[in-house]
Amino acid sequence: MSEKVLLTGISGWIAKHTAIELLNSGFEVLGTVRNETLIEQTKDTISKYAPIDKLSFIKLDLVKDDGWNDAAKGCKYIFHIASPFPIKVSNNRESLLPPAVDGTLRVLNAGINAGVDQIVKTSSIVAMFRKPNRTNPYTFGEQDWTDENWVEGVNDYFLSKTKAERVAWELMESKGLKNKLTTICPGGVFGDALDKKGGTSIEYVRQFMAGKFPGAPKFAVLISDVKDIAKAHVACIGNDKVGGRRLIVGKEVKKLVELSQLMAEAMPAYAKKLPKKELPNFMVKLISYLDSSAKMMIPDLGILMQTDPSYAEELLGFKFKAAKDCMAENAKSVVRLGLV
């Protein structure tokens, strides 16, 4: 009998890659969707990369109690991947908290009630590195937390990821179950788009390759390959070393202009459209008044982040993909799918 994994938000980009990794490793997967219309498209995409005889779906909503306890019954593991990541920034910092925070508590409580062996939650380095008065370069690691009270620098998405991870740890510690939880903390997620649904990171790549940016903002981020993130989730199963740990998954920190160069090398036909210079910070701030997606970067403009994810490679037992390979695969998949 195969071991069953409840995987939340299976129609999402990271979750689809994770489902593929699980199915190819012989696990049974029960994927949650908020909207039943997403099931066929998700199943079709996954079927191109993995057998789907052990794949099933259930309609559940992170903002409703209904069905979570029943879904977790009979599951040995839970991968809580679902979380909102809009490309636009809301003026309401708390707009994403109901699905992110309350949803996390619903999923984890269902897992506790069902007596699952392990819970792996997808968090992000955005729950780690945003705080005022940082040095430049700024180094962060597993013990660091984003300052939720920094209103100017912590937007709706950053706040939702930080609060959701904090409540997860608080709940598991209060139950004496901290070692049953692991969080996976990627940076900017890039790699194979799989299908046209994609994610926010894919949209940034698409816009770069379509010539939408005259220059690249002076923004740097840890580059995380989506397949590494999926592999990291699965590598946690039965791995005693990762209990109670926050695992930073990614290889190298790169500036956006460097990512542009990597995409140009991989896809020379698009080199002319890709930005070759960096935009002055004041221009990015001006753009952010017209396009709220630029607001996400403003607190980090000109700051070079540093982190050492090698501890996570050691605990998970594999090496993360270099930014060059990750961005090449991303650019090629965007073109292959006709997104540019």
C-alpha atoms as a PDB file:
ATOM      1  CA  MET A   1       0.000   0.000   0.000  1.00  0.00           C
ATOM      2  CA  SER A   2       1.439   3.377  -1.007  1.00  0.00           C
ATOM      3  CA  GLU A   3       1.776   6.212   1.490  1.00  0.00           C
ATOM      4  CA  LYS A   4      -0.710   9.039   1.031  1.00  0.00           C
ATOM      5  CA  VAL A   5       0.161  12.756   0.938  1.00  0.00           C
ATOM      6  CA  LEU A   6      -2.376  15.554   1.249  1.00  0.00           C
ATOM      7  CA  LEU A   7      -1.037  18.337  -0.988  1.00  0.00           C
ATOM      8  CA  THR A   8      -2.765  21.711  -0.746  1.00  0.00           C
ATOM      9  CA  GLY A   9      -3.185  24.022  -3.729  1.00  0.00           C
ATOM     10  CA  ILE A  10      -2.181  21.383  -6.278  1.00  0.00           C
ATOM     11  CA  SER A  11      -3.054  23.631  -9.239  1.00  0.00           C
ATOM     12  CA  GLY A  12      -0.249  26.020  -8.270  1.00  0.00           C
ATOM     13  CA  TRP A  13       3.144  25.969  -9.976  1.00  0.00           C
ATOM     14  CA  ILE A  14       5.306  24.684  -7.112  1.00  0.00           C
ATOM     15  CA  ALA A  15       2.582  22.246  -6.085  1.00  0.00           C
ATOM     16  CA  LYS A  16       2.312  20.701  -9.565  1.00  0.00           C
ATOM     17  CA  HIS A  17       6.062  20.108  -9.638  1.00  0.00           C
ATOM     18  CA  THR A  18       5.831  18.609  -6.134  1.00  0.00           C
ATOM     19  CA  ALA A  19       2.962  16.318  -7.156  1.00  0.00           C
ATOM     20  CA  ILE A  20       5.061  15.103 -10.103  1.00  0.00           C
ATOM     21  CA  GLU A  21       7.994  14.373  -7.772  1.00  0.00           C
ATOM     22  CA  LEU A  22       5.722  12.518  -5.321  1.00  0.00           C
ATOM     23  CA  LEU A  23       3.961  10.435  -7.978  1.00  0.00           C
ATOM     24  CA  ASN A  24       7.256   9.481  -9.627  1.00  0.00           C
ATOM     25  CA  SER A  25       8.483   8.398  -6.171  1.00  0.00           C
ATOM     26  CA  GLY A  26       5.479   6.070  -5.718  1.00  0.00           C
ATOM     27  CA  PHE A  27       3.372   8.131  -3.302  1.00  0.00           C
ATOM     28  CA  GLU A  28      -0.392   8.513  -3.426  1.00  0.00           C
ATOM     29  CA  VAL A  29      -1.403  12.170  -3.778  1.00  0.00           C
ATOM     30  CA  LEU A  30      -4.659  13.837  -2.744  1.00  0.00           C
ATOM     31  CA  GLY A  31      -4.556  17.377  -4.097  1.00  0.00           C
ATOM     32  CA  THR A  32      -6.797  20.176  -2.911  1.00  0.00           C
ATOM     33  CA  VAL A  33      -8.273  22.760  -5.276  1.00  0.00           C
ATOM     34  CA  ARG A  34     -10.392  25.790  -4.433  1.00  0.00           C
ATOM     35  CA  ASN A  35     -12.121  25.637  -7.818  1.00  0.00           C
ATOM     36  CA  GLU A  36     -13.139  22.363  -9.491  1.00  0.00           C
ATOM     37  CA  THR A  37     -12.590  23.863 -12.954  1.00  0.00           C
ATOM     38  CA  LEU A  38      -8.827  23.630 -12.286  1.00  0.00           C
ATOM     39  CA  ILE A  39      -8.834  19.849 -11.905  1.00  0.00           C
ATOM     40  CA  GLU A  40      -8.709  18.786 -15.559  1.00  0.00           C
ATOM     41  CA  GLN A  41      -5.995  21.263 -16.530  1.00  0.00           C
ATOM     42  CA  THR A  42      -3.904  20.252 -13.504  1.00  0.00           C
ATOM     43  CA  LYS A  43      -4.357  16.557 -14.181  1.00  0.00           C
ATOM     44  CA  ASP A  44      -3.467  17.027 -17.841  1.00  0.00           C
ATOM     45  CA  THR A  45      -0.222  18.873 -17.019  1.00  0.00           C
ATOM     46  CA  ILE A  46       0.871  16.372 -14.356  1.00  0.00           C
ATOM     47  CA  SER A  47       0.073  13.394 -16.622  1.00  0.00           C
ATOM     48  CA  LYS A  48       2.769  14.536 -19.075  1.00  0.00           C
ATOM     49  CA  TYR A  49       5.461  14.061 -16.427  1.00  0.00           C
ATOM     50  CA  ALA A  50       4.211  11.355 -14.038  1.00  0.00           C
ATOM     51  CA  PRO A  51       1.743   8.437 -13.748  1.00  0.00           C
ATOM     52  CA  ILE A  52      -1.599   9.667 -12.403  1.00  0.00           C
ATOM     53  CA  ASP A  53      -3.208   6.405 -11.241  1.00  0.00           C
ATOM     54  CA  LYS A  54      -2.466   7.423  -7.610  1.00  0.00           C
ATOM     55  CA  LEU A  55      -3.603  11.024  -8.062  1.00  0.00           C
ATOM     56  CA  SER A  56      -6.960  12.277  -6.773  1.00  0.00           C
ATOM     57  CA  PHE A  57      -8.522  15.667  -6.064  1.00  0.00           C
ATOM     58  CA  ILE A  58     -10.785  17.272  -3.487  1.00  0.00           C
ATOM     59  CA  LYS A  59     -12.400  20.705  -3.476  1.00  0.00           C
ATOM     60  CA  LEU A  60     -11.479  22.586  -0.281  1.00  0.00           C
ATOM     61  CA  ASP A  61     -11.170  26.260   0.615  1.00  0.00           C
ATOM     62  CA  LEU A  62      -8.522  27.634   2.988  1.00  0.00           C
ATOM     63  CA  VAL A  63     -10.993  30.198   4.341  1.00  0.00           C
ATOM     64  CA  LYS A  64     -13.611  27.561   5.277  1.00  0.00           C
ATOM     65  CA  ASP A  65     -13.503  24.835   7.919  1.00  0.00           C
ATOM     66  CA  ASP A  66     -15.488  22.324   5.869  1.00  0.00           C
ATOM     67  CA  GLY A  67     -13.782  19.119   4.806  1.00  0.00           C
ATOM     68  CA  TRP A  68     -10.218  19.558   6.067  1.00  0.00           C
ATOM     69  CA  ASN A  69     -10.409  16.968   8.848  1.00  0.00           C
ATOM     70  CA  ASP A  70     -11.942  14.377   6.505  1.00  0.00           C
ATOM     71  CA  ALA A  71      -9.331  15.066   3.816  1.00  0.00           C
ATOM     72  CA  ALA A  72      -6.443  14.511   6.242  1.00  0.00           C
ATOM     73  CA  LYS A  73      -7.778  11.145   7.458  1.00  0.00           C
ATOM     74  CA  GLY A  74      -5.711   8.273   6.080  1.00  0.00           C
ATOM     75  CA  CYS A  75      -2.867  10.576   5.030  1.00  0.00           C
ATOM     76  CA  LYS A  76       0.602   9.950   6.408  1.00  0.00           C
ATOM     77  CA  TYR A  77       2.028  13.326   5.330  1.00  0.00           C
ATOM     78  CA  ILE A  78       0.779  16.821   4.582  1.00  0.00           C
ATOM     79  CA  PHE A  79       2.460  19.250   2.204  1.00  0.00           C
ATOM     80  CA  HIS A  80       0.881  22.651   2.780  1.00  0.00           C
ATOM     81  CA  ILE A  81       1.902  24.567  -0.340  1.00  0.00           C
ATOM     82  CA  ALA A  82      -1.191  26.684  -1.073  1.00  0.00           C
ATOM     83  CA  SER A  83      -0.749  30.385  -0.323  1.00  0.00           C
ATOM     84  CA  PRO A  84      -1.738  33.510  -2.251  1.00  0.00           C
ATOM     85  CA  PHE A  85       1.053  35.306  -4.189  1.00  0.00           C
ATOM     86  CA  PRO A  86      -0.498  38.151  -6.220  1.00  0.00           C
ATOM     87  CA  ILE A  87       1.676  40.113  -8.641  1.00  0.00           C
ATOM     88  CA  LYS A  88      -0.004  43.369  -7.557  1.00  0.00           C
ATOM     89  CA  VAL A  89       0.448  44.807  -4.065  1.00  0.00           C
ATOM     90  CA  SER A  90      -2.670  45.670  -2.072  1.00  0.00           C
ATOM     91  CA  ASN A  91      -2.938  48.817   0.049  1.00  0.00           C
ATOM     92  CA  ASN A  92      -4.512  46.609   2.700  1.00  0.00           C
ATOM     93  CA  ARG A  93      -1.587  44.815   4.383  1.00  0.00           C
ATOM     94  CA  GLU A  94      -3.949  42.275   5.945  1.00  0.00           C
ATOM     95  CA  SER A  95      -5.804  41.320   2.763  1.00  0.00           C
ATOM     96  CA  LEU A  96      -4.030  37.955   2.397  1.00  0.00           C
ATOM     97  CA  LEU A  97      -4.127  36.894   6.042  1.00  0.00           C
ATOM     98  CA  PRO A  98      -7.396  34.883   6.010  1.00  0.00           C
ATOM     99  CA  PRO A  99      -6.228  32.299   3.430  1.00  0.00           C
ATOM    100  CA  ALA A 100      -2.560  32.390   4.483  1.00  0.00           C
ATOM    101  CA  VAL A 101      -2.787  32.403   8.283  1.00  0.00           C
ATOM    102  CA  ASP A 102      -6.226  30.957   9.047  1.00  0.00           C
ATOM    103  CA  GLY A 103      -5.737  28.477   6.201  1.00  0.00           C
ATOM    104  CA  THR A 104      -2.435  27.298   7.678  1.00  0.00           C
ATOM    105  CA  LEU A 105      -4.105  26.705  11.047  1.00  0.00           C
ATOM    106  CA  ARG A 106      -6.938  24.745   9.402  1.00  0.00           C
ATOM    107  CA  VAL A 107      -4.522  22.502   7.502  1.00  0.00           C
ATOM    108  CA  LEU A 108      -2.176  21.913  10.442  1.00  0.00           C
ATOM    109  CA  ASN A 109      -4.994  21.225  12.903  1.00  0.00           C
ATOM    110  CA  ALA A 110      -6.462  18.722  10.446  1.00  0.00           C
ATOM    111  CA  GLY A 111      -3.065  17.031  10.279  1.00  0.00           C
ATOM    112  CA  ILE A 112      -2.740  16.955  14.068  1.00  0.00           C
ATOM    113  CA  ASN A 113      -6.267  15.523  14.429  1.00  0.00           C
ATOM    114  CA  ALA A 114      -5.470  12.847  11.835  1.00  0.00           C
ATOM    115  CA  GLY A 115      -2.166  11.973  13.529  1.00  0.00           C
ATOM    116  CA  VAL A 116      -0.042  12.472  10.399  1.00  0.00           C
ATOM    117  CA  ASP A 117       3.650  11.617  10.670  1.00  0.00           C
ATOM    118  CA  GLN A 118       5.000  14.831   9.137  1.00  0.00           C
ATOM    119  CA  ILE A 119       3.936  18.244   7.866  1.00  0.00           C
ATOM    120  CA  VAL A 120       6.007  20.201   5.359  1.00  0.00           C
ATOM    121  CA  LYS A 121       4.924  23.811   4.839  1.00  0.00           C
ATOM    122  CA  THR A 122       6.075  25.988   1.952  1.00  0.00           C
ATOM    123  CA  SER A 123       7.216  29.303   3.387  1.00  0.00           C
ATOM    124  CA  SER A 124       9.665  31.770   1.818  1.00  0.00           C
ATOM    125  CA  ILE A 125      12.767  33.792   2.549  1.00  0.00           C
ATOM    126  CA  VAL A 126      10.391  36.782   2.557  1.00  0.00           C
ATOM    127  CA  ALA A 127       9.543  35.599   6.091  1.00  0.00           C
ATOM    128  CA  MET A 128      13.224  36.064   6.985  1.00  0.00           C
ATOM    129  CA  PHE A 129      14.950  39.081   5.463  1.00  0.00           C
ATOM    130  CA  ARG A 130      12.770  42.228   5.636  1.00  0.00           C
ATOM    131  CA  LYS A 131      13.590  44.527   8.524  1.00  0.00           C
ATOM    132  CA  PRO A 132      14.509  48.221   8.848  1.00  0.00           C
ATOM    133  CA  ASN A 133      18.072  49.543   9.200  1.00  0.00           C
ATOM    134  CA  ARG A 134      19.790  46.597   7.517  1.00  0.00           C
ATOM    135  CA  THR A 135      23.455  46.595   6.643  1.00  0.00           C
ATOM    136  CA  ASN A 136      24.460  46.406   2.992  1.00  0.00           C
ATOM    137  CA  PRO A 137      25.238  43.682   2.063  1.00  0.00           C
ATOM    138  CA  TYR A 138      22.729  42.093   4.400  1.00  0.00           C
ATOM    139  CA  THR A 139      23.174  38.526   5.649  1.00  0.00           C
ATOM    140  CA  PHE A 140      20.240  36.431   6.878  1.00  0.00           C
ATOM    141  CA  GLY A 141      19.712  32.805   7.843  1.00  0.00           C
ATOM    142  CA  GLU A 142      17.441  30.216   9.403  1.00  0.00           C
ATOM    143  CA  GLN A 143      17.073  32.092  12.710  1.00  0.00           C
ATOM    144  CA  ASP A 144      16.016  35.411  11.158  1.00  0.00           C
ATOM    145  CA  TRP A 145      12.470  36.721  10.911  1.00  0.00           C
ATOM    146  CA  THR A 146      10.944  39.567   8.913  1.00  0.00           C
ATOM    147  CA  ASP A 147       9.761  42.438  11.127  1.00  0.00           C
ATOM    148  CA  GLU A 148       5.953  42.329  10.849  1.00  0.00           C
ATOM    149  CA  ASN A 149       5.680  45.786  12.422  1.00  0.00           C
ATOM    150  CA  TRP A 150       7.704  47.522   9.679  1.00  0.00           C
ATOM    151  CA  VAL A 151       4.650  48.948   7.933  1.00  0.00           C
ATOM    152  CA  GLU A 152       6.547  50.765   5.156  1.00  0.00           C
ATOM    153  CA  GLY A 153       8.678  47.758   4.215  1.00  0.00           C
ATOM    154  CA  VAL A 154       6.431  44.752   4.789  1.00  0.00           C
ATOM    155  CA  ASN A 155       3.560  44.553   2.314  1.00  0.00           C
ATOM    156  CA  ASP A 156       0.566  42.221   2.161  1.00  0.00           C
ATOM    157  CA  TYR A 157       2.480  39.256   0.712  1.00  0.00           C
ATOM    158  CA  PHE A 158       5.478  39.537   3.058  1.00  0.00           C
ATOM    159  CA  LEU A 159       3.167  39.908   6.049  1.00  0.00           C
ATOM    160  CA  SER A 160       1.067  36.897   5.050  1.00  0.00           C
ATOM    161  CA  LYS A 161       4.082  34.592   4.596  1.00  0.00           C
ATOM    162  CA  THR A 162       5.695  35.726   7.852  1.00  0.00           C
ATOM    163  CA  LYS A 163       2.562  35.442   9.982  1.00  0.00           C
ATOM    164  CA  ALA A 164       1.576  32.104   8.409  1.00  0.00           C
ATOM    165  CA  GLU A 165       4.936  30.546   9.198  1.00  0.00           C
ATOM    166  CA  ARG A 166       5.006  31.982  12.723  1.00  0.00           C
ATOM    167  CA  VAL A 167       1.557  30.595  13.600  1.00  0.00           C
ATOM    168  CA  ALA A 168       2.567  27.209  12.185  1.00  0.00           C
ATOM    169  CA  TRP A 169       5.566  26.992  14.537  1.00  0.00           C
ATOM    170  CA  GLU A 170       3.568  28.352  17.481  1.00  0.00           C
ATOM    171  CA  LEU A 171       0.811  25.778  16.987  1.00  0.00           C
ATOM    172  CA  MET A 172       3.170  22.815  16.612  1.00  0.00           C
ATOM    173  CA  GLU A 173       5.268  23.892  19.612  1.00  0.00           C
ATOM    174  CA  SER A 174       2.156  24.331  21.770  1.00  0.00           C
ATOM    175  CA  LYS A 175       1.215  20.712  20.971  1.00  0.00           C
ATOM    176  CA  GLY A 176       4.762  19.413  21.569  1.00  0.00           C
ATOM    177  CA  LEU A 177       5.002  18.506  17.890  1.00  0.00           C
ATOM    178  CA  LYS A 178       7.654  20.931  16.639  1.00  0.00           C
ATOM    179  CA  ASN A 179       9.769  18.117  15.191  1.00  0.00           C
ATOM    180  CA  LYS A 180       6.868  17.009  12.984  1.00  0.00           C
ATOM    181  CA  LEU A 181       7.043  20.315  11.083  1.00  0.00           C
ATOM    182  CA  THR A 182       9.560  21.487   8.480  1.00  0.00           C
ATOM    183  CA  THR A 183       9.323  24.676   6.453  1.00  0.00           C
ATOM    184  CA  ILE A 184      10.800  25.082   2.975  1.00  0.00           C
ATOM    185  CA  CYS A 185      11.958  28.662   2.338  1.00  0.00           C
ATOM    186  CA  PRO A 186      12.791  29.421  -1.314  1.00  0.00           C
ATOM    187  CA  GLY A 187      13.785  32.801  -2.743  1.00  0.00           C
ATOM    188  CA  GLY A 188      12.689  33.939  -6.192  1.00  0.00           C
ATOM    189  CA  VAL A 189      11.306  30.802  -7.833  1.00  0.00           C
ATOM    190  CA  PHE A 190      12.272  30.121 -11.447  1.00  0.00           C
ATOM    191  CA  GLY A 191      12.571  27.100 -13.747  1.00  0.00           C
ATOM    192  CA  ASP A 192      10.294  25.006 -15.974  1.00  0.00           C
ATOM    193  CA  ALA A 193       6.900  26.720 -16.329  1.00  0.00           C
ATOM    194  CA  LEU A 194       5.123  23.373 -17.108  1.00  0.00           C
ATOM    195  CA  ASP A 195       2.016  25.045 -18.556  1.00  0.00           C
ATOM    196  CA  LYS A 196       0.513  28.441 -19.295  1.00  0.00           C
ATOM    197  CA  LYS A 197      -0.918  28.886 -15.791  1.00  0.00           C
ATOM    198  CA  GLY A 198       2.520  29.664 -14.355  1.00  0.00           C
ATOM    199  CA  GLY A 199       3.072  31.884 -11.348  1.00  0.00           C
ATOM    200  CA  THR A 200       4.121  35.397 -10.423  1.00  0.00           C
ATOM    201  CA  SER A 201       7.819  34.659 -11.024  1.00  0.00           C
ATOM    202  CA  ILE A 202       7.001  33.326 -14.498  1.00  0.00           C
ATOM    203  CA  GLU A 203       5.140  36.563 -15.234  1.00  0.00           C
ATOM    204  CA  TYR A 204       8.248  38.613 -14.403  1.00  0.00           C
ATOM    205  CA  VAL A 205      10.323  36.481 -16.803  1.00  0.00           C
ATOM    206  CA  ARG A 206       7.659  36.823 -19.483  1.00  0.00           C
ATOM    207  CA  GLN A 207       7.623  40.609 -19.110  1.00  0.00           C
ATOM    208  CA  PHE A 208      11.427  40.786 -19.279  1.00  0.00           C
ATOM    209  CA  MET A 209      11.536  38.679 -22.435  1.00  0.00           C
ATOM    210  CA  ALA A 210       8.692  40.625 -24.028  1.00  0.00           C
ATOM    211  CA  GLY A 211      10.686  43.865 -23.678  1.00  0.00           C
ATOM    212  CA  LYS A 212       8.420  45.427 -21.045  1.00  0.00           C
ATOM    213  CA  PHE A 213      11.369  46.633 -18.927  1.00  0.00           C
ATOM    214  CA  PRO A 214      13.640  49.399 -20.294  1.00  0.00           C
ATOM    215  CA  GLY A 215      16.087  48.515 -17.527  1.00  0.00           C
ATOM    216  CA  ALA A 216      16.303  46.195 -14.541  1.00  0.00           C
ATOM    217  CA  PRO A 217      15.560  47.438 -11.017  1.00  0.00           C
ATOM    218  CA  LYS A 218      18.580  47.274  -8.669  1.00  0.00           C
ATOM    219  CA  PHE A 219      17.093  44.293  -6.910  1.00  0.00           C
ATOM    220  CA  ALA A 220      18.859  41.071  -5.942  1.00  0.00           C
ATOM    221  CA  VAL A 221      17.316  37.793  -4.799  1.00  0.00           C
ATOM    222  CA  LEU A 222      18.214  34.207  -4.008  1.00  0.00           C
ATOM    223  CA  ILE A 223      17.444  32.115  -7.107  1.00  0.00           C
ATOM    224  CA  SER A 224      15.526  28.920  -6.376  1.00  0.00           C
ATOM    225  CA  ASP A 225      14.787  26.283  -9.004  1.00  0.00           C
ATOM    226  CA  VAL A 226      11.177  25.054  -8.844  1.00  0.00           C
ATOM    227  CA  LYS A 227      12.278  21.418  -9.291  1.00  0.00           C
ATOM    228  CA  ASP A 228      14.692  21.773  -6.368  1.00  0.00           C
ATOM    229  CA  ILE A 229      11.837  23.074  -4.223  1.00  0.00           C
ATOM    230  CA  ALA A 230       9.665  20.101  -5.187  1.00  0.00           C
ATOM    231  CA  LYS A 231      12.540  17.694  -4.563  1.00  0.00           C
ATOM    232  CA  ALA A 232      13.215  19.338  -1.180  1.00  0.00           C
ATOM    233  CA  HIS A 233       9.632  18.726  -0.035  1.00  0.00           C
ATOM    234  CA  VAL A 234       9.823  15.043  -0.943  1.00  0.00           C
ATOM    235  CA  ALA A 235      13.314  14.667   0.555  1.00  0.00           C
ATOM    236  CA  CYS A 236      11.829  15.648   3.938  1.00  0.00           C
ATOM    237  CA  ILE A 237       9.679  12.517   4.083  1.00  0.00           C
ATOM    238  CA  GLY A 238      11.073  10.152   6.707  1.00  0.00           C
ATOM    239  CA  ASN A 239      14.122  12.399   7.154  1.00  0.00           C
ATOM    240  CA  ASP A 240      14.717  12.772  10.917  1.00  0.00           C
ATOM    241  CA  LYS A 241      17.304  15.522  10.372  1.00  0.00           C
ATOM    242  CA  VAL A 242      14.808  18.099   9.076  1.00  0.00           C
ATOM    243  CA  GLY A 243      12.271  18.093  11.925  1.00  0.00           C
ATOM    244  CA  GLY A 244      11.858  21.557  13.421  1.00  0.00           C
ATOM    245  CA  ARG A 245      14.021  23.194  10.747  1.00  0.00           C
ATOM    246  CA  ARG A 246      13.544  26.088   8.329  1.00  0.00           C
ATOM    247  CA  LEU A 247      15.304  25.090   5.105  1.00  0.00           C
ATOM    248  CA  ILE A 248      16.508  27.811   2.734  1.00  0.00           C
ATOM    249  CA  VAL A 249      16.369  26.326  -0.767  1.00  0.00           C
ATOM    250  CA  GLY A 250      18.347  28.110  -3.486  1.00  0.00           C
ATOM    251  CA  LYS A 251      21.870  28.321  -4.827  1.00  0.00           C
ATOM    252  CA  GLU A 252      22.995  31.874  -5.587  1.00  0.00           C
ATOM    253  CA  VAL A 253      21.908  35.451  -5.070  1.00  0.00           C
ATOM    254  CA  LYS A 254      21.664  37.302  -8.379  1.00  0.00           C
ATOM    255  CA  LYS A 255      20.717  40.826  -9.424  1.00  0.00           C
ATOM    256  CA  LEU A 256      17.875  41.156 -11.915  1.00  0.00           C
ATOM    257  CA  VAL A 257      20.250  42.507 -14.555  1.00  0.00           C
ATOM    258  CA  GLU A 258      22.343  39.322 -14.131  1.00  0.00           C
ATOM    259  CA  LEU A 259      19.211  37.200 -14.600  1.00  0.00           C
ATOM    260  CA  SER A 260      18.527  39.145 -17.781  1.00  0.00           C
ATOM    261  CA  GLN A 261      22.029  38.301 -19.025  1.00  0.00           C
ATOM    262  CA  LEU A 262      21.528  34.608 -18.240  1.00  0.00           C
ATOM    263  CA  MET A 263      18.249  34.574 -20.182  1.00  0.00           C
ATOM    264  CA  ALA A 264      19.905  36.345 -23.127  1.00  0.00           C
ATOM    265  CA  GLU A 265      22.650  33.711 -23.201  1.00  0.00           C
ATOM    266  CA  ALA A 266      20.079  30.904 -23.166  1.00  0.00           C
ATOM    267  CA  MET A 267      17.794  32.519 -25.770  1.00  0.00           C
ATOM    268  CA  PRO A 268      19.905  34.827 -28.021  1.00  0.00           C
ATOM    269  CA  ALA A 269      16.900  35.625 -30.218  1.00  0.00           C
ATOM    270  CA  TYR A 270      15.403  37.585 -27.287  1.00  0.00           C
ATOM    271  CA  ALA A 271      18.628  39.337 -26.242  1.00  0.00           C
ATOM    272  CA  LYS A 272      17.592  42.677 -27.785  1.00  0.00           C
ATOM    273  CA  LYS A 273      14.389  42.822 -25.746  1.00  0.00           C
ATOM    274  CA  LEU A 274      16.004  41.937 -22.432  1.00  0.00           C
ATOM    275  CA  PRO A 275      17.246  44.821 -20.240  1.00  0.00           C
ATOM    276  CA  LYS A 276      21.010  45.348 -20.226  1.00  0.00           C
ATOM    277  CA  LYS A 277      21.262  48.204 -17.724  1.00  0.00           C
ATOM    278  CA  GLU A 278      19.946  48.912 -14.250  1.00  0.00           C
ATOM    279  CA  LEU A 279      17.251  51.508 -13.602  1.00  0.00           C
ATOM    280  CA  PRO A 280      17.946  54.294 -11.102  1.00  0.00           C
ATOM    281  CA  ASN A 281      16.045  53.686  -7.858  1.00  0.00           C
ATOM    282  CA  PHE A 282      13.958  56.847  -8.223  1.00  0.00           C
ATOM    283  CA  MET A 283      12.617  55.556 -11.566  1.00  0.00           C
ATOM    284  CA  VAL A 284      11.484  52.274 -10.000  1.00  0.00           C
ATOM    285  CA  LYS A 285       9.748  54.263  -7.258  1.00  0.00           C
ATOM    286  CA  LEU A 286       7.988  56.377  -9.882  1.00  0.00           C
ATOM    287  CA  ILE A 287       6.947  53.255 -11.801  1.00  0.00           C
ATOM    288  CA  SER A 288       5.538  51.765  -8.586  1.00  0.00           C
ATOM    289  CA  TYR A 289       2.867  54.508  -8.475  1.00  0.00           C
ATOM    290  CA  LEU A 290       1.606  53.291 -11.857  1.00  0.00           C
ATOM    291  CA  ASP A 291       2.346  49.588 -11.426  1.00  0.00           C
ATOM    292  CA  SER A 292       1.971  48.253  -7.894  1.00  0.00           C
ATOM    293  CA  SER A 293       3.949  45.092  -8.730  1.00  0.00           C
ATOM    294  CA  ALA A 294       7.107  47.247  -8.522  1.00  0.00           C
ATOM    295  CA  LYS A 295       6.289  48.098  -4.895  1.00  0.00           C
ATOM    296  CA  MET A 296       7.392  44.594  -3.897  1.00  0.00           C
ATOM    297  CA  MET A 297      11.037  45.511  -4.595  1.00  0.00           C
ATOM    298  CA  ILE A 298      11.341  49.042  -3.219  1.00  0.00           C
ATOM    299  CA  PRO A 299      12.539  48.292   0.355  1.00  0.00           C
ATOM    300  CA  ASP A 300      15.360  46.134  -1.078  1.00  0.00           C
ATOM    301  CA  LEU A 301      16.543  48.393  -3.915  1.00  0.00           C
ATOM    302  CA  GLY A 302      20.328  48.576  -3.921  1.00  0.00           C
ATOM    303  CA  ILE A 303      20.670  46.096  -1.034  1.00  0.00           C
ATOM    304  CA  LEU A 304      22.619  42.915  -1.745  1.00  0.00           C
ATOM    305  CA  MET A 305      21.322  39.990   0.279  1.00  0.00           C
ATOM    306  CA  GLN A 306      23.589  37.155   1.374  1.00  0.00           C
ATOM    307  CA  THR A 307      22.729  33.731   2.749  1.00  0.00           C
ATOM    308  CA  ASP A 308      24.288  30.286   2.942  1.00  0.00           C
ATOM    309  CA  PRO A 309      21.847  27.480   2.062  1.00  0.00           C
ATOM    310  CA  SER A 310      24.528  24.746   2.125  1.00  0.00           C
ATOM    311  CA  TYR A 311      23.168  23.454   5.468  1.00  0.00           C
ATOM    312  CA  ALA A 312      19.878  22.684   3.704  1.00  0.00           C
ATOM    313  CA  GLU A 313      21.694  20.817   0.913  1.00  0.00           C
ATOM    314  CA  GLU A 314      23.403  18.721   3.586  1.00  0.00           C
ATOM    315  CA  LEU A 315      20.172  17.957   5.473  1.00  0.00           C
ATOM    316  CA  LEU A 316      18.244  17.147   2.277  1.00  0.00           C
ATOM    317  CA  GLY A 317      21.039  15.156   0.646  1.00  0.00           C
ATOM    318  CA  PHE A 318      21.297  16.901  -2.732  1.00  0.00           C
ATOM    319  CA  LYS A 319      22.873  19.980  -4.340  1.00  0.00           C
ATOM    320  CA  PHE A 320      20.709  22.851  -5.568  1.00  0.00           C
ATOM    321  CA  LYS A 321      20.736  23.928  -9.205  1.00  0.00           C
ATOM    322  CA  ALA A 322      22.897  26.855 -10.353  1.00  0.00           C
ATOM    323  CA  ALA A 323      21.107  30.069 -11.356  1.00  0.00           C
ATOM    324  CA  LYS A 324      22.385  29.780 -14.939  1.00  0.00           C
ATOM    325  CA  ASP A 325      20.701  26.399 -15.516  1.00  0.00           C
ATOM    326  CA  CYS A 326      17.553  27.462 -13.713  1.00  0.00           C
ATOM    327  CA  MET A 327      17.099  30.650 -15.754  1.00  0.00           C
ATOM    328  CA  ALA A 328      17.883  28.884 -19.034  1.00  0.00           C
ATOM    329  CA  GLU A 329      15.141  26.337 -18.352  1.00  0.00           C
ATOM    330  CA  ASN A 330      12.753  29.126 -17.381  1.00  0.00           C
ATOM    331  CA  ALA A 331      13.388  31.169 -20.534  1.00  0.00           C
ATOM    332  CA  LYS A 332      13.112  28.140 -22.821  1.00  0.00           C
ATOM    333  CA  SER A 333       9.840  26.993 -21.244  1.00  0.00           C
ATOM    334  CA  VAL A 334       8.289  30.469 -21.571  1.00  0.00           C
ATOM    335  CA  VAL A 335       9.097  30.443 -25.307  1.00  0.00           C
ATOM    336  CA  ARG A 336       8.030  26.796 -25.741  1.00  0.00           C
ATOM    337  CA  LEU A 337       4.625  27.532 -24.214  1.00  0.00           C
ATOM    338  CA  GLY A 338       4.101  30.583 -26.424  1.00  0.00           C
ATOM    339  CA  LEU A 339       3.992  33.017 -23.505  1.00  0.00           C
ATOM    340  CA  VAL A 340       6.124  35.569 -25.407  1.00  0.00           C
END
